[in-house]
């Protein structure tokens, strides 16, 4: 396996652990939750950041490449 692939797998695993830990903390949080509850809002923020990081790791990334080496050339770069 490539070095970077192993690093990405480790990152995914760690983010999944963080997601589970945040989910537990939120489930154990005492009720009622006020709209201005800073600690719970912080947990929500961290949970969203972890979800976004996982989504970014899983999303395919498209890198467009130009058909021509530069605009002055009339030859395609196939």
PDB file of N, CA and C in Angstrom:
ATOM      1  N   UNK A   1       0.850  -1.181   0.000  1.00  0.00           N
ATOM      2  CA  UNK A   1       0.000   0.000   0.000  1.00  0.00           C
ATOM      3  C   UNK A   1       0.894   1.242   0.000  1.00  0.00           C
ATOM      4  N   UNK A   2       0.459   2.270  -0.711  1.00  0.00           N
ATOM      5  CA  UNK A   2       1.207   3.525  -0.745  1.00  0.00           C
ATOM      6  C   UNK A   2       1.199   4.183   0.628  1.00  0.00           C
ATOM      7  N   UNK A   3       2.262   4.930   0.915  1.00  0.00           N
ATOM      8  CA  UNK A   3       2.362   5.614   2.209  1.00  0.00           C
ATOM      9  C   UNK A   3       1.187   6.551   2.446  1.00  0.00           C
ATOM     10  N   UNK A   4       0.816   7.304   1.422  1.00  0.00           N
ATOM     11  CA  UNK A   4      -0.279   8.257   1.610  1.00  0.00           C
ATOM     12  C   UNK A   4      -1.615   7.547   1.799  1.00  0.00           C
ATOM     13  N   UNK A   5      -1.808   6.400   1.153  1.00  0.00           N
ATOM     14  CA  UNK A   5      -3.064   5.655   1.324  1.00  0.00           C
ATOM     15  C   UNK A   5      -3.211   5.175   2.759  1.00  0.00           C
ATOM     16  N   UNK A   6      -2.110   4.713   3.327  1.00  0.00           N
ATOM     17  CA  UNK A   6      -2.141   4.268   4.720  1.00  0.00           C
ATOM     18  C   UNK A   6      -2.451   5.441   5.648  1.00  0.00           C
ATOM     19  N   UNK A   7      -1.875   6.596   5.364  1.00  0.00           N
ATOM     20  CA  UNK A   7      -2.147   7.797   6.165  1.00  0.00           C
ATOM     21  C   UNK A   7      -3.615   8.192   6.074  1.00  0.00           C
ATOM     22  N   UNK A   8      -4.177   8.120   4.865  1.00  0.00           N
ATOM     23  CA  UNK A   8      -5.594   8.458   4.693  1.00  0.00           C
ATOM     24  C   UNK A   8      -6.483   7.469   5.435  1.00  0.00           C
ATOM     25  N   UNK A   9      -6.132   6.194   5.423  1.00  0.00           N
ATOM     26  CA  UNK A   9      -6.907   5.197   6.168  1.00  0.00           C
ATOM     27  C   UNK A   9      -6.861   5.470   7.666  1.00  0.00           C
ATOM     28  N   UNK A  10      -5.687   5.832   8.162  1.00  0.00           N
ATOM     29  CA  UNK A  10      -5.551   6.161   9.588  1.00  0.00           C
ATOM     30  C   UNK A  10      -6.377   7.396   9.919  1.00  0.00           C
ATOM     31  N   UNK A  11      -6.338   8.394   9.050  1.00  0.00           N
ATOM     32  CA  UNK A  11      -7.126   9.615   9.275  1.00  0.00           C
ATOM     33  C   UNK A  11      -8.614   9.289   9.325  1.00  0.00           C
ATOM     34  N   UNK A  12      -9.078   8.437   8.404  1.00  0.00           N
ATOM     35  CA  UNK A  12     -10.494   8.031   8.412  1.00  0.00           C
ATOM     36  C   UNK A  12     -10.858   7.334   9.719  1.00  0.00           C
ATOM     37  N   UNK A  13     -10.009   6.420  10.148  1.00  0.00           N
ATOM     38  CA  UNK A  13     -10.264   5.690  11.393  1.00  0.00           C
ATOM     39  C   UNK A  13     -10.332   6.635  12.586  1.00  0.00           C
ATOM     40  N   UNK A  14      -9.387   7.558  12.661  1.00  0.00           N
ATOM     41  CA  UNK A  14      -9.364   8.502  13.778  1.00  0.00           C
ATOM     42  C   UNK A  14     -10.581   9.423  13.763  1.00  0.00           C
ATOM     43  N   UNK A  15     -10.969   9.871  12.580  1.00  0.00           N
ATOM     44  CA  UNK A  15     -12.153  10.720  12.483  1.00  0.00           C
ATOM     45  C   UNK A  15     -13.414   9.955  12.864  1.00  0.00           C
ATOM     46  N   UNK A  16     -13.493   8.686  12.502  1.00  0.00           N
ATOM     47  CA  UNK A  16     -14.654   7.878  12.901  1.00  0.00           C
ATOM     48  C   UNK A  16     -14.694   7.691  14.407  1.00  0.00           C
ATOM     49  N   UNK A  17     -13.523   7.535  15.033  1.00  0.00           N
ATOM     50  CA  UNK A  17     -13.475   7.447  16.496  1.00  0.00           C
ATOM     51  C   UNK A  17     -13.916   8.762  17.129  1.00  0.00           C
ATOM     52  N   UNK A  18     -13.459   9.872  16.570  1.00  0.00           N
ATOM     53  CA  UNK A  18     -13.859  11.185  17.085  1.00  0.00           C
ATOM     54  C   UNK A  18     -15.360  11.389  16.932  1.00  0.00           C
ATOM     55  N   UNK A  19     -15.905  10.957  15.798  1.00  0.00           N
ATOM     56  CA  UNK A  19     -17.346  11.085  15.559  1.00  0.00           C
ATOM     57  C   UNK A  19     -18.134  10.288  16.594  1.00  0.00           C
ATOM     58  N   UNK A  20     -17.694   9.072  16.884  1.00  0.00           N
ATOM     59  CA  UNK A  20     -18.371   8.238  17.878  1.00  0.00           C
ATOM     60  C   UNK A  20     -18.270   8.856  19.272  1.00  0.00           C
ATOM     61  N   UNK A  21     -17.106   9.391  19.621  1.00  0.00           N
ATOM     62  CA  UNK A  21     -16.927  10.010  20.936  1.00  0.00           C
ATOM     63  C   UNK A  21     -17.823  11.240  21.082  1.00  0.00           C
ATOM     64  N   UNK A  22     -17.892  12.049  20.043  1.00  0.00           N
ATOM     65  CA  UNK A  22     -18.764  13.225  20.085  1.00  0.00           C
ATOM     66  C   UNK A  22     -20.230  12.825  20.183  1.00  0.00           C
ATOM     67  N   UNK A  23     -20.597  11.786  19.461  1.00  0.00           N
ATOM     68  CA  UNK A  23     -21.987  11.309  19.510  1.00  0.00           C
ATOM     69  C   UNK A  23     -22.338  10.848  20.927  1.00  0.00           C
ATOM     70  N   UNK A  24     -21.399  10.146  21.577  1.00  0.00           N
ATOM     71  CA  UNK A  24     -21.626   9.697  22.963  1.00  0.00           C
ATOM     72  C   UNK A  24     -21.788  10.891  23.895  1.00  0.00           C
ATOM     73  N   UNK A  25     -20.874  11.872  23.762  1.00  0.00           N
ATOM     74  CA  UNK A  25     -20.950  13.054  24.629  1.00  0.00           C
ATOM     75  C   UNK A  25     -22.266  13.796  24.449  1.00  0.00           C
ATOM     76  N   UNK A  26     -22.725  13.895  23.211  1.00  0.00           N
ATOM     77  CA  UNK A  26     -23.982  14.591  22.947  1.00  0.00           C
ATOM     78  C   UNK A  26     -25.166  13.797  23.493  1.00  0.00           C
ATOM     79  N   UNK A  27     -25.107  12.478  23.410  1.00  0.00           N
ATOM     80  CA  UNK A  27     -26.195  11.646  23.925  1.00  0.00           C
ATOM     81  C   UNK A  27     -26.266  11.707  25.450  1.00  0.00           C
ATOM     82  N   UNK A  28     -25.109  11.860  26.092  1.00  0.00           N
ATOM     83  CA  UNK A  28     -25.054  11.903  27.554  1.00  0.00           C
ATOM     84  C   UNK A  28     -25.283  13.304  28.111  1.00  0.00           C
ATOM     85  N   UNK A  29     -25.399  14.289  27.226  1.00  0.00           N
ATOM     86  CA  UNK A  29     -25.539  15.667  27.673  1.00  0.00           C
ATOM     87  C   UNK A  29     -26.876  15.840  28.394  1.00  0.00           C
ATOM     88  N   UNK A  30     -26.868  16.518  29.539  1.00  0.00           N
ATOM     89  CA  UNK A  30     -28.123  16.681  30.294  1.00  0.00           C
ATOM     90  C   UNK A  30     -29.137  17.544  29.554  1.00  0.00           C
ATOM     91  N   UNK A  31     -30.397  17.210  29.731  1.00  0.00           N
ATOM     92  CA  UNK A  31     -31.477  17.982  29.113  1.00  0.00           C
ATOM     93  C   UNK A  31     -32.104  18.874  30.175  1.00  0.00           C
ATOM     94  N   UNK A  32     -32.809  19.898  29.882  1.00  0.00           N
ATOM     95  CA  UNK A  32     -33.078  20.455  28.569  1.00  0.00           C
ATOM     96  C   UNK A  32     -31.875  21.251  28.059  1.00  0.00           C
ATOM     97  N   UNK A  33     -31.818  21.384  26.760  1.00  0.00           N
ATOM     98  CA  UNK A  33     -30.732  22.115  26.122  1.00  0.00           C
ATOM     99  C   UNK A  33     -31.279  23.459  25.649  1.00  0.00           C
ATOM    100  N   UNK A  34     -30.705  24.508  26.169  1.00  0.00           N
ATOM    101  CA  UNK A  34     -31.127  25.855  25.764  1.00  0.00           C
ATOM    102  C   UNK A  34     -30.431  26.232  24.462  1.00  0.00           C
ATOM    103  N   UNK A  35     -31.014  27.134  23.734  1.00  0.00           N
ATOM    104  CA  UNK A  35     -30.431  27.581  22.475  1.00  0.00           C
ATOM    105  C   UNK A  35     -29.097  28.292  22.648  1.00  0.00           C
ATOM    106  N   UNK A  36     -28.819  28.745  23.852  1.00  0.00           N
ATOM    107  CA  UNK A  36     -27.570  29.457  24.096  1.00  0.00           C
ATOM    108  C   UNK A  36     -26.585  28.613  24.906  1.00  0.00           C
ATOM    109  N   UNK A  37     -26.752  27.317  24.895  1.00  0.00           N
ATOM    110  CA  UNK A  37     -25.884  26.407  25.641  1.00  0.00           C
ATOM    111  C   UNK A  37     -24.542  26.277  24.908  1.00  0.00           C
ATOM    112  N   UNK A  38     -23.526  26.957  25.398  1.00  0.00           N
ATOM    113  CA  UNK A  38     -22.242  27.017  24.709  1.00  0.00           C
ATOM    114  C   UNK A  38     -21.565  25.658  24.592  1.00  0.00           C
ATOM    115  N   UNK A  39     -21.606  24.852  25.642  1.00  0.00           N
ATOM    116  CA  UNK A  39     -20.929  23.557  25.593  1.00  0.00           C
ATOM    117  C   UNK A  39     -21.563  22.641  24.548  1.00  0.00           C
ATOM    118  N   UNK A  40     -22.880  22.604  24.507  1.00  0.00           N
ATOM    119  CA  UNK A  40     -23.542  21.741  23.522  1.00  0.00           C
ATOM    120  C   UNK A  40     -23.328  22.274  22.114  1.00  0.00           C
ATOM    121  N   UNK A  41     -23.390  23.599  21.952  1.00  0.00           N
ATOM    122  CA  UNK A  41     -23.135  24.192  20.642  1.00  0.00           C
ATOM    123  C   UNK A  41     -21.712  23.891  20.179  1.00  0.00           C
ATOM    124  N   UNK A  42     -20.767  23.863  21.112  1.00  0.00           N
ATOM    125  CA  UNK A  42     -19.389  23.510  20.778  1.00  0.00           C
ATOM    126  C   UNK A  42     -19.330  22.061  20.287  1.00  0.00           C
ATOM    127  N   UNK A  43     -20.029  21.155  20.961  1.00  0.00           N
ATOM    128  CA  UNK A  43     -20.066  19.751  20.527  1.00  0.00           C
ATOM    129  C   UNK A  43     -20.688  19.635  19.137  1.00  0.00           C
ATOM    130  N   UNK A  44     -21.750  20.403  18.884  1.00  0.00           N
ATOM    131  CA  UNK A  44     -22.363  20.398  17.551  1.00  0.00           C
ATOM    132  C   UNK A  44     -21.373  20.886  16.489  1.00  0.00           C
ATOM    133  N   UNK A  45     -20.645  21.936  16.815  1.00  0.00           N
ATOM    134  CA  UNK A  45     -19.655  22.480  15.884  1.00  0.00           C
ATOM    135  C   UNK A  45     -18.564  21.448  15.590  1.00  0.00           C
ATOM    136  N   UNK A  46     -18.050  20.827  16.628  1.00  0.00           N
ATOM    137  CA  UNK A  46     -16.996  19.833  16.435  1.00  0.00           C
ATOM    138  C   UNK A  46     -17.505  18.634  15.647  1.00  0.00           C
ATOM    139  N   UNK A  47     -18.727  18.242  15.913  1.00  0.00           N
ATOM    140  CA  UNK A  47     -19.332  17.126  15.190  1.00  0.00           C
ATOM    141  C   UNK A  47     -19.450  17.443  13.700  1.00  0.00           C
ATOM    142  N   UNK A  48     -19.863  18.655  13.390  1.00  0.00           N
ATOM    143  CA  UNK A  48     -19.983  19.083  11.991  1.00  0.00           C
ATOM    144  C   UNK A  48     -18.609  19.117  11.316  1.00  0.00           C
ATOM    145  N   UNK A  49     -17.601  19.580  12.029  1.00  0.00           N
ATOM    146  CA  UNK A  49     -16.247  19.626  11.470  1.00  0.00           C
ATOM    147  C   UNK A  49     -15.737  18.219  11.165  1.00  0.00           C
ATOM    148  N   UNK A  50     -16.000  17.276  12.050  1.00  0.00           N
ATOM    149  CA  UNK A  50     -15.570  15.888  11.829  1.00  0.00           C
ATOM    150  C   UNK A  50     -16.314  15.307  10.631  1.00  0.00           C
ATOM    151  N   UNK A  51     -17.632  15.550  10.549  1.00  0.00           N
ATOM    152  CA  UNK A  51     -18.408  15.061   9.395  1.00  0.00           C
ATOM    153  C   UNK A  51     -17.881  15.644   8.089  1.00  0.00           C
ATOM    154  N   UNK A  52     -17.566  16.924   8.090  1.00  0.00           N
ATOM    155  CA  UNK A  52     -17.038  17.566   6.888  1.00  0.00           C
ATOM    156  C   UNK A  52     -15.674  16.997   6.495  1.00  0.00           C
ATOM    157  N   UNK A  53     -14.835  16.733   7.477  1.00  0.00           N
ATOM    158  CA  UNK A  53     -13.514  16.162   7.194  1.00  0.00           C
ATOM    159  C   UNK A  53     -13.650  14.759   6.612  1.00  0.00           C
ATOM    160  N   UNK A  54     -14.544  13.958   7.174  1.00  0.00           N
ATOM    161  CA  UNK A  54     -14.781  12.609   6.630  1.00  0.00           C
ATOM    162  C   UNK A  54     -15.327  12.683   5.214  1.00  0.00           C
ATOM    163  N   UNK A  55     -16.248  13.587   4.982  1.00  0.00           N
ATOM    164  CA  UNK A  55     -16.826  13.739   3.644  1.00  0.00           C
ATOM    165  C   UNK A  55     -15.757  14.167   2.645  1.00  0.00           C
ATOM    166  N   UNK A  56     -14.858  15.042   3.073  1.00  0.00           N
ATOM    167  CA  UNK A  56     -13.792  15.499   2.179  1.00  0.00           C
ATOM    168  C   UNK A  56     -12.847  14.356   1.824  1.00  0.00           C
ATOM    169  N   UNK A  57     -12.590  13.467   2.770  1.00  0.00           N
ATOM    170  CA  UNK A  57     -11.718  12.327   2.491  1.00  0.00           C
ATOM    171  C   UNK A  57     -12.381  11.322   1.558  1.00  0.00           C
ATOM    172  N   UNK A  58     -13.684  11.228   1.622  1.00  0.00           N
ATOM    173  CA  UNK A  58     -14.406  10.242   0.819  1.00  0.00           C
ATOM    174  C   UNK A  58     -14.792  10.754  -0.566  1.00  0.00           C
ATOM    175  N   UNK A  59     -14.871  12.055  -0.732  1.00  0.00           N
ATOM    176  CA  UNK A  59     -15.343  12.631  -1.993  1.00  0.00           C
ATOM    177  C   UNK A  59     -14.281  12.496  -3.087  1.00  0.00           C
ATOM    178  N   UNK A  60     -14.707  12.124  -4.279  1.00  0.00           N
ATOM    179  CA  UNK A  60     -13.752  12.108  -5.388  1.00  0.00           C
ATOM    180  C   UNK A  60     -13.370  13.542  -5.735  1.00  0.00           C
ATOM    181  N   UNK A  61     -12.152  13.731  -6.112  1.00  0.00           N
ATOM    182  CA  UNK A  61     -11.688  15.068  -6.422  1.00  0.00           C
ATOM    183  C   UNK A  61     -11.369  15.152  -7.905  1.00  0.00           C
ATOM    184  N   UNK A  62     -12.002  16.064  -8.585  1.00  0.00           N
ATOM    185  CA  UNK A  62     -11.805  16.235 -10.019  1.00  0.00           C
ATOM    186  C   UNK A  62     -10.843  17.396 -10.254  1.00  0.00           C
ATOM    187  N   UNK A  63      -9.787  17.124 -10.988  1.00  0.00           N
ATOM    188  CA  UNK A  63      -8.832  18.162 -11.347  1.00  0.00           C
ATOM    189  C   UNK A  63      -8.890  18.331 -12.856  1.00  0.00           C
ATOM    190  N   UNK A  64      -9.470  19.429 -13.318  1.00  0.00           N
ATOM    191  CA  UNK A  64      -9.561  19.622 -14.765  1.00  0.00           C
ATOM    192  C   UNK A  64      -8.179  19.889 -15.349  1.00  0.00           C
ATOM    193  N   UNK A  65      -7.938  19.349 -16.516  1.00  0.00           N
ATOM    194  CA  UNK A  65      -6.672  19.592 -17.196  1.00  0.00           C
ATOM    195  C   UNK A  65      -6.968  20.250 -18.536  1.00  0.00           C
ATOM    196  N   UNK A  66      -6.147  21.201 -18.920  1.00  0.00           N
ATOM    197  CA  UNK A  66      -6.381  21.885 -20.191  1.00  0.00           C
ATOM    198  C   UNK A  66      -6.093  20.960 -21.372  1.00  0.00           C
ATOM    199  N   UNK A  67      -6.841  21.139 -22.432  1.00  0.00           N
ATOM    200  CA  UNK A  67      -6.613  20.356 -23.644  1.00  0.00           C
ATOM    201  C   UNK A  67      -5.386  20.845 -24.392  1.00  0.00           C
ATOM    202  N   UNK A  68      -5.015  22.102 -24.171  1.00  0.00           N
ATOM    203  CA  UNK A  68      -3.848  22.680 -24.831  1.00  0.00           C
ATOM    204  C   UNK A  68      -2.821  23.063 -23.777  1.00  0.00           C
ATOM    205  N   UNK A  69      -1.556  22.937 -24.117  1.00  0.00           N
ATOM    206  CA  UNK A  69      -0.495  23.273 -23.157  1.00  0.00           C
ATOM    207  C   UNK A  69      -0.573  24.735 -22.743  1.00  0.00           C
ATOM    208  N   UNK A  70      -0.809  25.609 -23.693  1.00  0.00           N
ATOM    209  CA  UNK A  70      -1.063  27.012 -23.366  1.00  0.00           C
ATOM    210  C   UNK A  70      -1.936  27.607 -24.470  1.00  0.00           C
ATOM    211  N   UNK A  71      -2.476  28.739 -24.208  1.00  0.00           N
ATOM    212  CA  UNK A  71      -3.459  29.317 -25.146  1.00  0.00           C
ATOM    213  C   UNK A  71      -2.847  29.715 -26.471  1.00  0.00           C
ATOM    214  N   UNK A  72      -1.536  29.960 -26.525  1.00  0.00           N
ATOM    215  CA  UNK A  72      -0.898  30.374 -27.769  1.00  0.00           C
ATOM    216  C   UNK A  72      -0.709  29.210 -28.738  1.00  0.00           C
ATOM    217  N   UNK A  73      -0.680  27.989 -28.225  1.00  0.00           N
ATOM    218  CA  UNK A  73      -0.458  26.827 -29.073  1.00  0.00           C
ATOM    219  C   UNK A  73      -1.751  26.372 -29.708  1.00  0.00           C
ATOM    220  N   UNK A  74      -1.629  25.829 -30.910  1.00  0.00           N
ATOM    221  CA  UNK A  74      -2.802  25.297 -31.581  1.00  0.00           C
ATOM    222  C   UNK A  74      -2.845  23.784 -31.548  1.00  0.00           C
ATOM    223  N   UNK A  75      -1.901  23.160 -30.836  1.00  0.00           N
ATOM    224  CA  UNK A  75      -1.822  21.699 -30.787  1.00  0.00           C
ATOM    225  C   UNK A  75      -2.356  21.222 -29.437  1.00  0.00           C
ATOM    226  N   UNK A  76      -3.197  20.213 -29.483  1.00  0.00           N
ATOM    227  CA  UNK A  76      -3.722  19.653 -28.237  1.00  0.00           C
ATOM    228  C   UNK A  76      -2.646  18.825 -27.546  1.00  0.00           C
ATOM    229  N   UNK A  77      -2.740  18.709 -26.244  1.00  0.00           N
ATOM    230  CA  UNK A  77      -1.724  18.008 -25.458  1.00  0.00           C
ATOM    231  C   UNK A  77      -2.142  16.581 -25.128  1.00  0.00           C
ATOM    232  N   UNK A  78      -2.458  15.798 -26.124  1.00  0.00           N
ATOM    233  CA  UNK A  78      -2.870  14.417 -25.877  1.00  0.00           C
ATOM    234  C   UNK A  78      -1.702  13.514 -25.732  1.00  0.00           C
TER     235      UNK A  78
END
